[in-house]
C-alpha atoms as a PDB file:
ATOM      1  CA  MET A   1     191.176 -12.061  16.641  1.00  0.00           C
ATOM      2  CA  LEU A   2     191.619 -13.497  19.542  1.00  0.00           C
ATOM      3  CA  MET A   3     188.119 -12.763  20.829  1.00  0.00           C
ATOM      4  CA  ALA A   4     187.402 -13.279  16.911  1.00  0.00           C
ATOM      5  CA  ASN A   5     189.020 -17.012  17.015  1.00  0.00           C
ATOM      6  CA  PHE A   6     186.633 -17.687  20.535  1.00  0.00           C
ATOM      7  CA  ALA A   7     183.294 -16.805  18.826  1.00  0.00           C
ATOM      8  CA  ALA A   8     184.471 -18.847  15.798  1.00  0.00           C
ATOM      9  CA  VAL A   9     184.986 -22.465  18.260  1.00  0.00           C
ATOM     10  CA  LEU A  10     182.007 -21.111  20.664  1.00  0.00           C
ATOM     11  CA  THR A  11     180.083 -21.318  17.730  1.00  0.00           C
ATOM     12  CA  VAL A  12     180.891 -24.767  15.944  1.00  0.00           C
ATOM     13  CA  LEU A  13     181.001 -25.976  20.105  1.00  0.00           C
ATOM     14  CA  LEU A  14     177.545 -24.842  20.911  1.00  0.00           C
ATOM     15  CA  GLY A  15     175.665 -24.642  17.504  1.00  0.00           C
ATOM     16  CA  VAL A  16     176.112 -28.681  17.777  1.00  0.00           C
ATOM     17  CA  GLN A  17     174.627 -28.906  20.770  1.00  0.00           C
ATOM     18  CA  PHE A  18     171.974 -26.395  20.338  1.00  0.00           C
ATOM     19  CA  VAL A  19     170.520 -28.756  17.416  1.00  0.00           C
ATOM     20  CA  CYS A  20     171.030 -31.547  19.436  1.00  0.00           C
ATOM     21  CA  TYR A  21     169.303 -29.967  22.270  1.00  0.00           C
ATOM     22  CA  GLY A  22     166.777 -29.032  20.024  1.00  0.00           C
ATOM     23  CA  VAL A  23     166.008 -32.418  17.895  1.00  0.00           C
ATOM     24  CA  VAL A  24     165.807 -33.896  21.705  1.00  0.00           C
ATOM     25  CA  ALA A  25     162.780 -31.970  22.796  1.00  0.00           C
ATOM     26  CA  ALA A  26     161.403 -31.644  19.924  1.00  0.00           C
ATOM     27  CA  VAL A  27     160.728 -35.441  19.867  1.00  0.00           C
ATOM     28  CA  ASN A  28     160.041 -35.234  23.540  1.00  0.00           C
ATOM     29  CA  GLU A  29     157.949 -32.633  23.292  1.00  0.00           C
ATOM     30  CA  VAL A  30     155.187 -34.805  20.773  1.00  0.00           C
ATOM     31  CA  THR A  31     156.499 -38.413  22.014  1.00  0.00           C
ATOM     32  CA  ILE A  32     156.261 -37.698  25.617  1.00  0.00           C
ATOM     33  CA  ASP A  33     155.049 -35.970  28.371  1.00  0.00           C
ATOM     34  CA  GLN A  34     157.789 -34.239  29.989  1.00  0.00           C
ATOM     35  CA  ILE A  35     158.658 -30.748  30.973  1.00  0.00           C
ATOM     36  CA  THR A  36     160.750 -29.262  27.637  1.00  0.00           C
ATOM     37  CA  LEU A  37     161.476 -26.449  29.516  1.00  0.00           C
ATOM     38  CA  LEU A  38     163.748 -28.804  32.000  1.00  0.00           C
ATOM     39  CA  ILE A  39     165.983 -30.217  28.412  1.00  0.00           C
ATOM     40  CA  LEU A  40     166.125 -26.219  27.278  1.00  0.00           C
ATOM     41  CA  PHE A  41     167.863 -25.839  30.737  1.00  0.00           C
ATOM     42  CA  GLU A  42     170.168 -28.664  30.837  1.00  0.00           C
ATOM     43  CA  MET A  43     171.210 -26.855  27.331  1.00  0.00           C
ATOM     44  CA  LEU A  44     172.211 -24.020  28.417  1.00  0.00           C
ATOM     45  CA  ARG A  45     174.223 -25.365  31.658  1.00  0.00           C
ATOM     46  CA  VAL A  46     176.015 -27.721  29.093  1.00  0.00           C
ATOM     47  CA  ALA A  47     176.923 -24.353  27.049  1.00  0.00           C
ATOM     48  CA  LEU A  48     178.140 -22.472  30.002  1.00  0.00           C
ATOM     49  CA  LEU A  49     180.254 -25.705  30.839  1.00  0.00           C
ATOM     50  CA  THR A  50     181.364 -26.172  27.157  1.00  0.00           C
ATOM     51  CA  THR A  51     182.332 -21.704  27.274  1.00  0.00           C
ATOM     52  CA  LEU A  52     184.579 -22.270  30.482  1.00  0.00           C
ATOM     53  CA  VAL A  53     186.245 -24.883  28.921  1.00  0.00           C
ATOM     54  CA  ALA A  54     187.022 -23.158  26.565  1.00  0.00           C
ATOM     55  CA  ALA A  55     187.998 -19.606  28.370  1.00  0.00           C
ATOM     56  CA  ILE A  56     189.894 -22.511  30.268  1.00  0.00           C
ATOM     57  CA  THR A  57     191.946 -23.491  26.768  1.00  0.00           C
ATOM     58  CA  PHE A  58     192.773 -19.622  24.742  1.00  0.00           C
ATOM     59  CA  PHE A  59     193.827 -18.412  27.827  1.00  0.00           C
ATOM     60  CA  CYS A  60     196.329 -21.435  28.264  1.00  0.00           C
ATOM     61  CA  CYS A  61     196.812 -21.169  24.879  1.00  0.00           C
ATOM     62  CA  VAL A  62     197.941 -17.194  24.751  1.00  0.00           C
ATOM     63  CA  CYS A  63     200.015 -18.005  27.732  1.00  0.00           C
ATOM     64  CA  CYS A  64     201.926 -21.071  25.559  1.00  0.00           C
ATOM     65  CA  ASN A  65     203.316 -21.680  22.085  1.00  0.00           C
ATOM     66  CA  THR A  66     202.538 -25.378  20.486  1.00  0.00           C
ATOM     67  CA  SER A  67     199.952 -27.524  20.830  1.00  0.00           C
ATOM     68  CA  LEU A  68     201.064 -29.610  23.232  1.00  0.00           C
ATOM     69  CA  ASP A  69     202.147 -27.385  25.595  1.00  0.00           C
ATOM     70  CA  SER A  70     197.941 -25.876  25.161  1.00  0.00           C
ATOM     71  CA  ALA A  71     196.559 -29.428  25.603  1.00  0.00           C
ATOM     72  CA  ILE A  72     198.979 -30.342  28.920  1.00  0.00           C
ATOM     73  CA  PHE A  73     198.154 -26.840  30.297  1.00  0.00           C
ATOM     74  CA  SER A  74     194.873 -27.192  29.320  1.00  0.00           C
ATOM     75  CA  GLY A  75     193.871 -30.877  30.944  1.00  0.00           C
ATOM     76  CA  ALA A  76     196.310 -29.711  33.865  1.00  0.00           C
ATOM     77  CA  PHE A  77     194.138 -26.878  34.982  1.00  0.00           C
ATOM     78  CA  LEU A  78     190.614 -29.309  34.575  1.00  0.00           C
ATOM     79  CA  ALA A  79     192.469 -31.786  36.507  1.00  0.00           C
ATOM     80  CA  ILE A  80     193.589 -29.532  39.534  1.00  0.00           C
ATOM     81  CA  VAL A  81     190.491 -29.395  41.694  1.00  0.00           C
ATOM     82  CA  PRO A  82     189.601 -32.793  41.227  1.00  0.00           C
ATOM     83  CA  SER A  83     192.470 -34.075  42.031  1.00  0.00           C
ATOM     84  CA  TYR A  84     193.421 -32.529  44.923  1.00  0.00           C
ATOM     85  CA  ALA A  85     189.984 -32.755  45.807  1.00  0.00           C
ATOM     86  CA  MET A  86     190.330 -36.771  46.278  1.00  0.00           C
ATOM     87  CA  LEU A  87     193.921 -36.206  47.084  1.00  0.00           C
ATOM     88  CA  LEU A  88     191.949 -34.369  50.666  1.00  0.00           C
ATOM     89  CA  ILE A  89     189.167 -37.037  50.962  1.00  0.00           C
ATOM     90  CA  LEU A  90     191.893 -39.958  50.892  1.00  0.00           C
ATOM     91  CA  LEU A  91     193.871 -37.937  53.323  1.00  0.00           C
ATOM     92  CA  MET A  92     191.389 -36.777  55.864  1.00  0.00           C
ATOM     93  CA  GLY A  93     189.269 -40.179  55.878  1.00  0.00           C
ATOM     94  CA  GLU A  94     192.253 -42.367  56.417  1.00  0.00           C
ATOM     95  CA  TYR A  95     194.490 -39.971  58.964  1.00  0.00           C
ATOM     96  CA  VAL A  96     191.848 -37.723  60.944  1.00  0.00           C
ATOM     97  CA  VAL A  97     190.258 -39.794  63.717  1.00  0.00           C
ATOM     98  CA  GLY A  98     185.957 -39.798  63.340  1.00  0.00           C
ATOM     99  CA  TYR A  99     186.184 -38.123  59.823  1.00  0.00           C
ATOM    100  CA  ASP A 100     183.177 -38.629  57.846  1.00  0.00           C
ATOM    101  CA  GLY A 101     182.995 -35.814  56.050  1.00  0.00           C
ATOM    102  CA  ALA A 102     183.717 -36.097  52.514  1.00  0.00           C
ATOM    103  CA  ASP A 103     180.149 -35.595  50.901  1.00  0.00           C
ATOM    104  CA  HIS A 104     178.973 -32.925  52.708  1.00  0.00           C
ATOM    105  CA  VAL A 105     183.251 -30.566  53.115  1.00  0.00           C
ATOM    106  CA  LEU A 106     185.033 -31.800  50.128  1.00  0.00           C
ATOM    107  CA  TYR A 107     182.573 -32.757  47.872  1.00  0.00           C
ATOM    108  CA  PRO A 108     181.006 -28.373  46.975  1.00  0.00           C
ATOM    109  CA  SER A 109     184.434 -27.719  45.786  1.00  0.00           C
ATOM    110  CA  LEU A 110     184.173 -30.255  42.537  1.00  0.00           C
ATOM    111  CA  LYS A 111     181.129 -28.368  41.312  1.00  0.00           C
ATOM    112  CA  PHE A 112     184.552 -25.546  40.698  1.00  0.00           C
ATOM    113  CA  SER A 113     185.889 -28.330  37.937  1.00  0.00           C
ATOM    114  CA  PRO A 114     183.788 -28.097  34.664  1.00  0.00           C
ATOM    115  CA  ALA A 115     185.240 -31.455  33.716  1.00  0.00           C
ATOM    116  CA  VAL A 116     183.585 -33.099  37.298  1.00  0.00           C
ATOM    117  CA  MET A 117     180.230 -30.780  36.364  1.00  0.00           C
ATOM    118  CA  PHE A 118     180.027 -32.451  33.200  1.00  0.00           C
ATOM    119  CA  TYR A 119     180.220 -35.601  34.104  1.00  0.00           C
ATOM    120  CA  GLN A 120     178.164 -34.829  36.247  1.00  0.00           C
ATOM    121  CA  VAL A 121     175.247 -33.402  34.361  1.00  0.00           C
ATOM    122  CA  PHE A 122     175.496 -36.541  31.461  1.00  0.00           C
ATOM    123  CA  SER A 123     175.852 -39.436  34.772  1.00  0.00           C
ATOM    124  CA  ASP A 124     172.672 -38.768  36.764  1.00  0.00           C
ATOM    125  CA  GLY A 125     171.563 -35.748  35.382  1.00  0.00           C
ATOM    126  CA  ASP A 126     171.049 -33.329  38.098  1.00  0.00           C
ATOM    127  CA  ILE A 127     170.767 -29.790  36.655  1.00  0.00           C
ATOM    128  CA  THR A 128     170.684 -28.450  40.690  1.00  0.00           C
ATOM    129  CA  GLN A 129     173.398 -26.260  39.594  1.00  0.00           C
ATOM    130  CA  GLY A 130     171.862 -22.397  41.483  1.00  0.00           C
ATOM    131  CA  PRO A 131     172.632 -19.254  40.214  1.00  0.00           C
ATOM    132  CA  LEU A 132     175.106 -18.548  42.226  1.00  0.00           C
ATOM    133  CA  LEU A 133     177.461 -21.080  40.201  1.00  0.00           C
ATOM    134  CA  ASN A 134     176.283 -20.134  37.193  1.00  0.00           C
ATOM    135  CA  ALA A 135     177.174 -16.750  38.555  1.00  0.00           C
ATOM    136  CA  ILE A 136     180.442 -17.081  39.299  1.00  0.00           C
ATOM    137  CA  TYR A 137     180.889 -19.199  35.820  1.00  0.00           C
ATOM    138  CA  ILE A 138     180.006 -16.223  34.147  1.00  0.00           C
ATOM    139  CA  ALA A 139     182.587 -14.183  36.276  1.00  0.00           C
ATOM    140  CA  VAL A 140     185.270 -16.594  36.189  1.00  0.00           C
ATOM    141  CA  ILE A 141     185.198 -16.609  32.167  1.00  0.00           C
ATOM    142  CA  ALA A 142     184.874 -12.907  31.312  1.00  0.00           C
ATOM    143  CA  ALA A 143     188.026 -12.385  33.670  1.00  0.00           C
ATOM    144  CA  LEU A 144     190.211 -15.146  31.894  1.00  0.00           C
ATOM    145  CA  MET A 145     189.151 -13.654  28.438  1.00  0.00           C
ATOM    146  CA  ALA A 146     190.185  -9.997  29.930  1.00  0.00           C
ATOM    147  CA  VAL A 147     193.701 -11.541  30.950  1.00  0.00           C
ATOM    148  CA  SER A 148     193.847 -13.256  27.643  1.00  0.00           C
ATOM    149  CA  CYS A 149     193.283 -10.605  24.989  1.00  0.00           C
ATOM    150  CA  ILE A 150     195.638  -8.255  27.770  1.00  0.00           C
ATOM    151  CA  LEU A 151     198.121 -10.777  27.662  1.00  0.00           C
ATOM    152  CA  TYR A 152     197.744 -11.849  23.755  1.00  0.00           C
ATOM    153  CA  THR A 153     197.810  -8.052  22.787  1.00  0.00           C
ATOM    154  CA  ASN A 154     201.300  -7.460  25.170  1.00  0.00           C
ATOM    155  CA  ARG A 155     203.190 -10.067  24.239  1.00  0.00           C
ATOM    156  CA  LYS A 156     205.958  -9.716  21.913  1.00  0.00           C
ATOM    157  CA  SER A 157     206.202 -11.996  18.342  1.00  0.00           C
ATOM    158  CA  GLU A 158     205.993 -15.235  18.262  1.00  0.00           C
ATOM    159  CA  MET A 159     208.129 -16.887  20.615  1.00  0.00           C
ATOM    160  CA  ALA A 160     210.496 -19.793  20.997  1.00  0.00           C
ATOM    161  CA  GLN A 161     208.771 -23.267  22.349  1.00  0.00           C
ATOM    162  CA  SER A 162     211.001 -23.090  25.054  1.00  0.00           C
ATOM    163  CA  ALA A 163     209.359 -19.847  26.293  1.00  0.00           C
ATOM    164  CA  SER A 164     206.459 -21.538  28.037  1.00  0.00           C
ATOM    165  CA  THR A 165     209.028 -22.925  30.547  1.00  0.00           C
ATOM    166  CA  LYS A 166     209.101 -18.954  31.844  1.00  0.00           C
ATOM    167  CA  ASN A 167     206.385 -17.958  32.536  1.00  0.00           C
ATOM    168  CA  PRO A 168     204.345 -18.356  35.727  1.00  0.00           C
ATOM    169  CA  LEU A 169     201.712 -20.377  34.790  1.00  0.00           C
ATOM    170  CA  TYR A 170     203.956 -23.456  33.589  1.00  0.00           C
ATOM    171  CA  GLN A 171     205.361 -23.103  37.803  1.00  0.00           C
ATOM    172  CA  PHE A 172     202.521 -23.416  38.985  1.00  0.00           C
ATOM    173  CA  ILE A 173     200.778 -26.127  36.942  1.00  0.00           C
ATOM    174  CA  LEU A 174     204.190 -28.175  37.276  1.00  0.00           C
ATOM    175  CA  LEU A 175     204.143 -27.968  41.252  1.00  0.00           C
ATOM    176  CA  ALA A 176     200.729 -28.558  41.037  1.00  0.00           C
ATOM    177  CA  ALA A 177     200.974 -31.477  38.833  1.00  0.00           C
ATOM    178  CA  SER A 178     204.409 -33.076  40.399  1.00  0.00           C
ATOM    179  CA  VAL A 179     202.314 -32.474  44.194  1.00  0.00           C
ATOM    180  CA  GLY A 180     199.214 -34.072  43.793  1.00  0.00           C
ATOM    181  CA  GLY A 181     200.442 -36.285  41.508  1.00  0.00           C
ATOM    182  CA  GLY A 182     203.258 -37.283  43.610  1.00  0.00           C
ATOM    183  CA  ALA A 183     200.627 -38.077  46.759  1.00  0.00           C
ATOM    184  CA  LEU A 184     197.942 -39.869  44.701  1.00  0.00           C
ATOM    185  CA  PHE A 185     201.146 -42.338  43.625  1.00  0.00           C
ATOM    186  CA  GLY A 186     202.429 -42.575  46.773  1.00  0.00           C
ATOM    187  CA  PHE A 187     198.880 -43.375  48.300  1.00  0.00           C
ATOM    188  CA  GLY A 188     198.690 -46.216  45.566  1.00  0.00           C
ATOM    189  CA  TYR A 189     202.151 -47.415  46.208  1.00  0.00           C
ATOM    190  CA  GLN A 190     201.658 -47.873  50.000  1.00  0.00           C
ATOM    191  CA  GLY A 191     197.849 -49.406  49.447  1.00  0.00           C
ATOM    192  CA  ILE A 192     200.042 -52.257  47.757  1.00  0.00           C
ATOM    193  CA  PHE A 193     201.934 -53.170  51.583  1.00  0.00           C
ATOM    194  CA  GLY A 194     198.829 -52.461  53.844  1.00  0.00           C
ATOM    195  CA  TRP A 195     196.297 -49.638  54.719  1.00  0.00           C
ATOM    196  CA  GLY A 196     197.244 -47.488  58.837  1.00  0.00           C
ATOM    197  CA  ILE A 197     198.080 -45.063  60.693  1.00  0.00           C
ATOM    198  CA  GLU A 198     200.922 -46.196  60.860  1.00  0.00           C
ATOM    199  CA  SER A 199     202.036 -46.294  57.399  1.00  0.00           C
ATOM    200  CA  MET A 200     201.856 -42.308  57.093  1.00  0.00           C
ATOM    201  CA  MET A 201     205.902 -42.364  56.667  1.00  0.00           C
ATOM    202  CA  VAL A 202     205.687 -45.098  54.015  1.00  0.00           C
ATOM    203  CA  VAL A 203     203.006 -42.536  51.918  1.00  0.00           C
ATOM    204  CA  ILE A 204     205.119 -39.432  52.612  1.00  0.00           C
ATOM    205  CA  PHE A 205     208.500 -40.666  51.523  1.00  0.00           C
ATOM    206  CA  THR A 206     207.020 -42.573  48.176  1.00  0.00           C
ATOM    207  CA  SER A 207     205.338 -39.502  47.837  1.00  0.00           C
ATOM    208  CA  CYS A 208     208.028 -37.568  48.222  1.00  0.00           C
ATOM    209  CA  ILE A 209     210.376 -39.907  45.535  1.00  0.00           C
ATOM    210  CA  PHE A 210     207.079 -39.479  42.880  1.00  0.00           C
ATOM    211  CA  THR A 211     206.764 -36.289  43.238  1.00  0.00           C
ATOM    212  CA  VAL A 212     210.014 -36.011  42.110  1.00  0.00           C
ATOM    213  CA  ALA A 213     210.022 -38.132  38.899  1.00  0.00           C
ATOM    214  CA  ILE A 214     207.014 -36.385  37.740  1.00  0.00           C
ATOM    215  CA  TYR A 215     208.272 -32.848  38.657  1.00  0.00           C
ATOM    216  CA  LEU A 216     211.673 -34.249  36.168  1.00  0.00           C
ATOM    217  CA  VAL A 217     209.353 -36.149  33.847  1.00  0.00           C
ATOM    218  CA  PHE A 218     206.776 -33.026  33.210  1.00  0.00           C
ATOM    219  CA  ASN A 219     210.072 -30.472  32.788  1.00  0.00           C
ATOM    220  CA  ALA A 220     211.811 -32.746  30.176  1.00  0.00           C
ATOM    221  CA  ILE A 221     208.355 -33.174  28.298  1.00  0.00           C
ATOM    222  CA  VAL A 222     207.679 -29.429  28.015  1.00  0.00           C
ATOM    223  CA  SER A 223     211.253 -28.303  27.226  1.00  0.00           C
ATOM    224  CA  ARG A 224     211.614 -30.718  24.419  1.00  0.00           C
ATOM    225  CA  ASN A 225     214.983 -31.703  26.226  1.00  0.00           C
ATOM    226  CA  PRO A 226     216.214 -33.155  28.907  1.00  0.00           C
ATOM    227  CA  LYS A 227     219.331 -30.347  29.995  1.00  0.00           C
ATOM    228  CA  PRO A 228     216.295 -28.395  32.480  1.00  0.00           C
ATOM    229  CA  THR A 229     216.951 -31.521  34.671  1.00  0.00           C
ATOM    230  CA  LYS A 230     220.268 -30.795  36.211  1.00  0.00           C
ATOM    231  CA  ARG A 231     218.343 -27.126  37.041  1.00  0.00           C
ATOM    232  CA  GLY A 232     215.202 -29.064  38.014  1.00  0.00           C
ATOM    233  CA  LEU A 233     216.882 -31.327  40.661  1.00  0.00           C
END
């Protein structure tokens, strides 16, 4: 049943993409002297990214029980890699003397986020993704769907809404969002009052405050009530 739904979703998403790219390729072949093969190659690349996003979403849906939780967890998965890469760039660029390697050292990590790759495709038309990264994407899709099928087969009947708060996925997303979001908010807050290596303690202090705040708010949203606040603290 899970794989049938996954196939139906891909049929809807990829069908529209193939039609759009097919029209563009046909018009390009008739009116413009460009290589149509590049358009078809980009179509396959976008299809692969779409399939990866769908696999991530289905994995989160199996682990959750409500549409809200599934949407939050799926969005968090897609945002973790670029958010933490941005955080590392800020930290190293500000506090590591002489560091000038953001583009060369940390940028490759962004390619492991399908959300960033979508932006790259549609912003500058770069299609130099490479066969290795494509193979990694395919392996991740297969692994996610295999794990999803196992979880879907073995889970019991429909769980209560609060069940989402008891699985490891929830704890991982909660901690990742709290720590990463708290640090980014800490940088933004500190930027209002100045910038420099002597302000590291201000960043650490404000980041801790924002981390606790995000943790409590996120916990209350997913739990649907404020009662877990004391346990969360």
